[in-house]
Amino acid sequence: MIRGLPIILNGYIAGQEAGNVPYVVENGCGEFSKSPIEISKIVAEWFEPRSRQLEIMSQNALRLARPEAVFKIVQDMHELVRQRNRLPQLSCTA
């Protein structure tokens, strides 16, 4: 989402990724289908003349983007490893 690109999800890993589908669809930054035929129809609709779907979904994706999230994840992982292995504290700046 950080790039503002709409997404088509065609599957997910049960448990850890199950929430991704409703998050993307309900926030208007992508669509979900397991059907290749349906996916091709979705893409065709996105590129129809005078369609604003891509523009709207792109704006929605940018609105949801959290570019700092990757740095927070790395900091959290570093802290877990440091605590487990008693590593020295390193400075992480975003």
N, C-alpha and C. Protein backbone atom coordinates (compact mmCIF):
# COMPACT_ATOMS: atom_id res chain seq x y z
N MET A 1 0.80 -1.19 0.00
CA MET A 1 0.00 0.00 0.00
C MET A 1 0.85 1.26 0.00
N ILE A 2 2.05 1.12 0.47
CA ILE A 2 2.95 2.27 0.54
C ILE A 2 3.19 2.89 -0.84
N ARG A 3 3.06 2.09 -1.90
CA ARG A 3 3.27 2.60 -3.26
C ARG A 3 1.97 3.09 -3.89
N GLY A 4 0.86 2.93 -3.20
CA GLY A 4 -0.41 3.38 -3.74
C GLY A 4 -0.92 2.51 -4.87
N LEU A 5 -0.54 1.25 -4.87
CA LEU A 5 -0.97 0.34 -5.92
C LEU A 5 -2.14 -0.51 -5.46
N PRO A 6 -3.25 -0.50 -6.20
CA PRO A 6 -4.35 -1.40 -5.88
C PRO A 6 -3.88 -2.85 -5.98
N ILE A 7 -4.57 -3.73 -5.27
CA ILE A 7 -4.13 -5.12 -5.21
C ILE A 7 -5.30 -6.06 -5.46
N ILE A 8 -5.00 -7.17 -6.11
CA ILE A 8 -5.96 -8.26 -6.24
C ILE A 8 -5.40 -9.42 -5.44
N LEU A 9 -6.14 -9.82 -4.42
CA LEU A 9 -5.75 -10.97 -3.61
C LEU A 9 -6.48 -12.19 -4.16
N ASN A 10 -5.74 -13.29 -4.32
CA ASN A 10 -6.38 -14.51 -4.82
C ASN A 10 -6.25 -15.67 -3.85
N GLY A 11 -5.79 -15.39 -2.66
CA GLY A 11 -5.65 -16.41 -1.63
C GLY A 11 -5.00 -15.81 -0.41
N TYR A 12 -4.93 -16.61 0.64
CA TYR A 12 -4.29 -16.16 1.87
C TYR A 12 -3.95 -17.37 2.72
N ILE A 13 -3.00 -17.20 3.61
CA ILE A 13 -2.63 -18.24 4.56
C ILE A 13 -3.58 -18.14 5.74
N ALA A 14 -4.30 -19.22 6.01
CA ALA A 14 -5.28 -19.22 7.10
C ALA A 14 -4.59 -18.80 8.40
N GLY A 15 -5.27 -18.00 9.16
CA GLY A 15 -4.72 -17.53 10.42
C GLY A 15 -4.02 -16.20 10.25
N GLN A 16 -2.74 -16.25 9.87
CA GLN A 16 -1.94 -15.03 9.85
C GLN A 16 -2.33 -14.03 8.77
N GLU A 17 -2.91 -14.47 7.67
CA GLU A 17 -3.27 -13.55 6.60
C GLU A 17 -4.77 -13.39 6.40
N ALA A 18 -5.57 -14.08 7.18
CA ALA A 18 -7.03 -14.07 6.99
C ALA A 18 -7.60 -12.66 7.07
N GLY A 19 -7.06 -11.81 7.91
CA GLY A 19 -7.57 -10.45 8.05
C GLY A 19 -7.21 -9.53 6.90
N ASN A 20 -6.26 -9.94 6.07
CA ASN A 20 -5.84 -9.08 4.96
C ASN A 20 -6.96 -8.86 3.95
N VAL A 21 -7.73 -9.91 3.67
CA VAL A 21 -8.77 -9.82 2.65
C VAL A 21 -9.82 -8.78 3.02
N PRO A 22 -10.48 -8.89 4.18
CA PRO A 22 -11.47 -7.86 4.50
C PRO A 22 -10.85 -6.46 4.65
N TYR A 23 -9.62 -6.38 5.14
CA TYR A 23 -8.96 -5.08 5.29
C TYR A 23 -8.81 -4.40 3.93
N VAL A 24 -8.32 -5.12 2.95
CA VAL A 24 -8.11 -4.57 1.61
C VAL A 24 -9.44 -4.23 0.94
N VAL A 25 -10.38 -5.17 0.98
CA VAL A 25 -11.65 -4.98 0.29
C VAL A 25 -12.49 -3.89 0.95
N GLU A 26 -12.64 -3.95 2.28
CA GLU A 26 -13.49 -2.99 2.98
C GLU A 26 -12.93 -1.57 2.95
N ASN A 27 -11.63 -1.45 2.79
CA ASN A 27 -11.01 -0.12 2.71
C ASN A 27 -10.87 0.38 1.28
N GLY A 28 -11.37 -0.39 0.32
CA GLY A 28 -11.44 0.06 -1.06
C GLY A 28 -10.11 0.20 -1.76
N CYS A 29 -9.12 -0.60 -1.38
CA CYS A 29 -7.83 -0.51 -2.07
C CYS A 29 -7.49 -1.79 -2.84
N GLY A 30 -8.47 -2.67 -3.00
CA GLY A 30 -8.24 -3.88 -3.77
C GLY A 30 -9.46 -4.77 -3.76
N GLU A 31 -9.29 -5.92 -4.41
CA GLU A 31 -10.38 -6.88 -4.51
C GLU A 31 -9.85 -8.28 -4.27
N PHE A 32 -10.78 -9.20 -4.00
CA PHE A 32 -10.42 -10.59 -3.74
C PHE A 32 -11.24 -11.51 -4.63
N SER A 33 -10.57 -12.47 -5.24
CA SER A 33 -11.23 -13.53 -5.98
C SER A 33 -10.26 -14.68 -6.15
N LYS A 34 -10.78 -15.90 -6.05
CA LYS A 34 -9.96 -17.08 -6.31
C LYS A 34 -10.09 -17.52 -7.76
N SER A 35 -11.02 -16.94 -8.47
CA SER A 35 -11.30 -17.34 -9.85
C SER A 35 -10.46 -16.55 -10.85
N PRO A 36 -9.65 -17.25 -11.65
CA PRO A 36 -8.87 -16.54 -12.67
C PRO A 36 -9.76 -15.79 -13.66
N ILE A 37 -10.92 -16.33 -13.97
CA ILE A 37 -11.83 -15.65 -14.89
C ILE A 37 -12.34 -14.36 -14.26
N GLU A 38 -12.73 -14.42 -13.00
CA GLU A 38 -13.20 -13.23 -12.29
C GLU A 38 -12.08 -12.19 -12.17
N ILE A 39 -10.87 -12.65 -11.90
CA ILE A 39 -9.73 -11.74 -11.79
C ILE A 39 -9.50 -11.01 -13.11
N SER A 40 -9.60 -11.73 -14.22
CA SER A 40 -9.41 -11.08 -15.53
C SER A 40 -10.50 -10.04 -15.77
N LYS A 41 -11.72 -10.30 -15.31
CA LYS A 41 -12.81 -9.32 -15.45
C LYS A 41 -12.54 -8.09 -14.59
N ILE A 42 -12.03 -8.32 -13.39
CA ILE A 42 -11.71 -7.20 -12.49
C ILE A 42 -10.66 -6.29 -13.14
N VAL A 43 -9.60 -6.90 -13.66
CA VAL A 43 -8.53 -6.12 -14.30
C VAL A 43 -9.08 -5.36 -15.50
N ALA A 44 -9.91 -6.01 -16.31
CA ALA A 44 -10.50 -5.34 -17.47
C ALA A 44 -11.33 -4.14 -17.03
N GLU A 45 -12.11 -4.29 -15.96
CA GLU A 45 -12.91 -3.18 -15.45
C GLU A 45 -12.03 -2.02 -14.99
N TRP A 46 -10.93 -2.36 -14.34
CA TRP A 46 -10.03 -1.32 -13.85
C TRP A 46 -9.48 -0.46 -14.98
N PHE A 47 -9.29 -1.07 -16.15
CA PHE A 47 -8.67 -0.35 -17.26
C PHE A 47 -9.66 0.11 -18.32
N GLU A 48 -10.95 0.06 -18.02
CA GLU A 48 -11.95 0.56 -18.96
C GLU A 48 -11.78 2.07 -19.12
N PRO A 49 -12.06 2.57 -20.33
CA PRO A 49 -12.01 4.02 -20.52
C PRO A 49 -12.95 4.73 -19.54
N ARG A 50 -12.53 5.83 -19.04
CA ARG A 50 -13.30 6.67 -18.11
C ARG A 50 -13.54 6.02 -16.75
N SER A 51 -12.92 4.88 -16.50
CA SER A 51 -13.06 4.27 -15.18
C SER A 51 -12.13 4.98 -14.21
N ARG A 52 -12.64 5.29 -13.04
CA ARG A 52 -11.82 5.94 -12.01
C ARG A 52 -11.44 4.97 -10.91
N GLN A 53 -11.74 3.68 -11.10
CA GLN A 53 -11.49 2.69 -10.05
C GLN A 53 -10.03 2.67 -9.61
N LEU A 54 -9.11 2.64 -10.55
CA LEU A 54 -7.69 2.58 -10.19
C LEU A 54 -7.28 3.82 -9.39
N GLU A 55 -7.72 4.97 -9.83
CA GLU A 55 -7.38 6.22 -9.14
C GLU A 55 -7.92 6.22 -7.71
N ILE A 56 -9.17 5.81 -7.55
CA ILE A 56 -9.79 5.78 -6.22
C ILE A 56 -9.11 4.77 -5.32
N MET A 57 -8.85 3.56 -5.84
CA MET A 57 -8.19 2.54 -5.03
C MET A 57 -6.77 2.95 -4.68
N SER A 58 -6.10 3.63 -5.60
CA SER A 58 -4.75 4.11 -5.33
C SER A 58 -4.76 5.13 -4.19
N GLN A 59 -5.70 6.05 -4.22
CA GLN A 59 -5.83 7.03 -3.14
C GLN A 59 -6.13 6.35 -1.81
N ASN A 60 -7.00 5.34 -1.84
CA ASN A 60 -7.33 4.61 -0.61
C ASN A 60 -6.11 3.86 -0.07
N ALA A 61 -5.34 3.26 -0.96
CA ALA A 61 -4.13 2.54 -0.54
C ALA A 61 -3.13 3.50 0.11
N LEU A 62 -2.94 4.65 -0.49
CA LEU A 62 -2.01 5.63 0.08
C LEU A 62 -2.50 6.14 1.44
N ARG A 63 -3.81 6.27 1.59
CA ARG A 63 -4.38 6.72 2.86
C ARG A 63 -4.09 5.71 3.97
N LEU A 64 -4.07 4.42 3.62
CA LEU A 64 -3.84 3.37 4.62
C LEU A 64 -2.36 3.05 4.83
N ALA A 65 -1.51 3.54 3.95
CA ALA A 65 -0.09 3.20 4.01
C ALA A 65 0.53 3.60 5.35
N ARG A 66 1.37 2.75 5.85
CA ARG A 66 2.10 3.00 7.09
C ARG A 66 3.58 2.73 6.82
N PRO A 67 4.27 3.68 6.17
CA PRO A 67 5.66 3.44 5.78
C PRO A 67 6.60 3.19 6.95
N GLU A 68 6.25 3.68 8.13
CA GLU A 68 7.12 3.49 9.29
C GLU A 68 6.95 2.10 9.91
N ALA A 69 5.95 1.35 9.50
CA ALA A 69 5.66 0.05 10.12
C ALA A 69 6.82 -0.93 10.02
N VAL A 70 7.51 -0.94 8.90
CA VAL A 70 8.63 -1.88 8.74
C VAL A 70 9.73 -1.60 9.77
N PHE A 71 9.97 -0.34 10.07
CA PHE A 71 11.00 0.00 11.05
C PHE A 71 10.59 -0.44 12.45
N LYS A 72 9.31 -0.28 12.77
CA LYS A 72 8.80 -0.72 14.07
C LYS A 72 8.92 -2.24 14.21
N ILE A 73 8.62 -2.96 13.15
CA ILE A 73 8.74 -4.43 13.18
C ILE A 73 10.19 -4.83 13.42
N VAL A 74 11.12 -4.20 12.71
CA VAL A 74 12.54 -4.52 12.89
C VAL A 74 12.99 -4.19 14.31
N GLN A 75 12.57 -3.06 14.83
CA GLN A 75 12.94 -2.70 16.20
C GLN A 75 12.40 -3.73 17.20
N ASP A 76 11.15 -4.14 17.01
CA ASP A 76 10.56 -5.14 17.91
C ASP A 76 11.30 -6.47 17.82
N MET A 77 11.64 -6.88 16.61
CA MET A 77 12.38 -8.14 16.43
C MET A 77 13.75 -8.06 17.08
N HIS A 78 14.43 -6.93 16.88
CA HIS A 78 15.75 -6.75 17.48
C HIS A 78 15.66 -6.84 19.00
N GLU A 79 14.65 -6.21 19.57
CA GLU A 79 14.49 -6.23 21.02
C GLU A 79 14.24 -7.66 21.52
N LEU A 80 13.44 -8.42 20.81
CA LEU A 80 13.19 -9.82 21.21
C LEU A 80 14.47 -10.65 21.17
N VAL A 81 15.24 -10.48 20.10
CA VAL A 81 16.51 -11.22 19.97
C VAL A 81 17.49 -10.77 21.05
N ARG A 82 17.56 -9.48 21.27
CA ARG A 82 18.47 -8.94 22.28
C ARG A 82 18.13 -9.49 23.66
N GLN A 83 16.87 -9.51 24.00
CA GLN A 83 16.45 -10.03 25.30
C GLN A 83 16.77 -11.51 25.44
N ARG A 84 16.55 -12.23 24.38
CA ARG A 84 16.79 -13.69 24.43
C ARG A 84 18.27 -14.01 24.51
N ASN A 85 19.07 -13.29 23.75
CA ASN A 85 20.50 -13.60 23.65
C ASN A 85 21.38 -12.63 24.43
N ARG A 86 20.78 -11.70 25.13
CA ARG A 86 21.54 -10.72 25.91
C ARG A 86 22.52 -9.94 25.03
N LEU A 87 22.04 -9.50 23.88
CA LEU A 87 22.87 -8.71 22.98
C LEU A 87 22.92 -7.27 23.46
N PRO A 88 23.97 -6.54 23.09
CA PRO A 88 24.04 -5.13 23.47
C PRO A 88 22.95 -4.33 22.74
N GLN A 89 22.52 -3.25 23.35
CA GLN A 89 21.51 -2.38 22.76
C GLN A 89 22.10 -1.66 21.56
N LEU A 90 21.42 -1.73 20.41
CA LEU A 90 21.83 -1.01 19.21
C LEU A 90 20.83 0.10 18.95
N SER A 91 21.31 1.17 18.37
CA SER A 91 20.44 2.28 18.04
C SER A 91 19.77 2.01 16.71
N CYS A 92 18.45 2.14 16.67
CA CYS A 92 17.68 2.00 15.43
C CYS A 92 16.97 3.31 15.19
N THR A 93 17.25 3.94 14.05
CA THR A 93 16.57 5.18 13.72
C THR A 93 15.80 4.99 12.44
N ALA A 94 14.63 5.56 12.38
CA ALA A 94 13.78 5.44 11.20
C ALA A 94 13.87 6.68 10.36
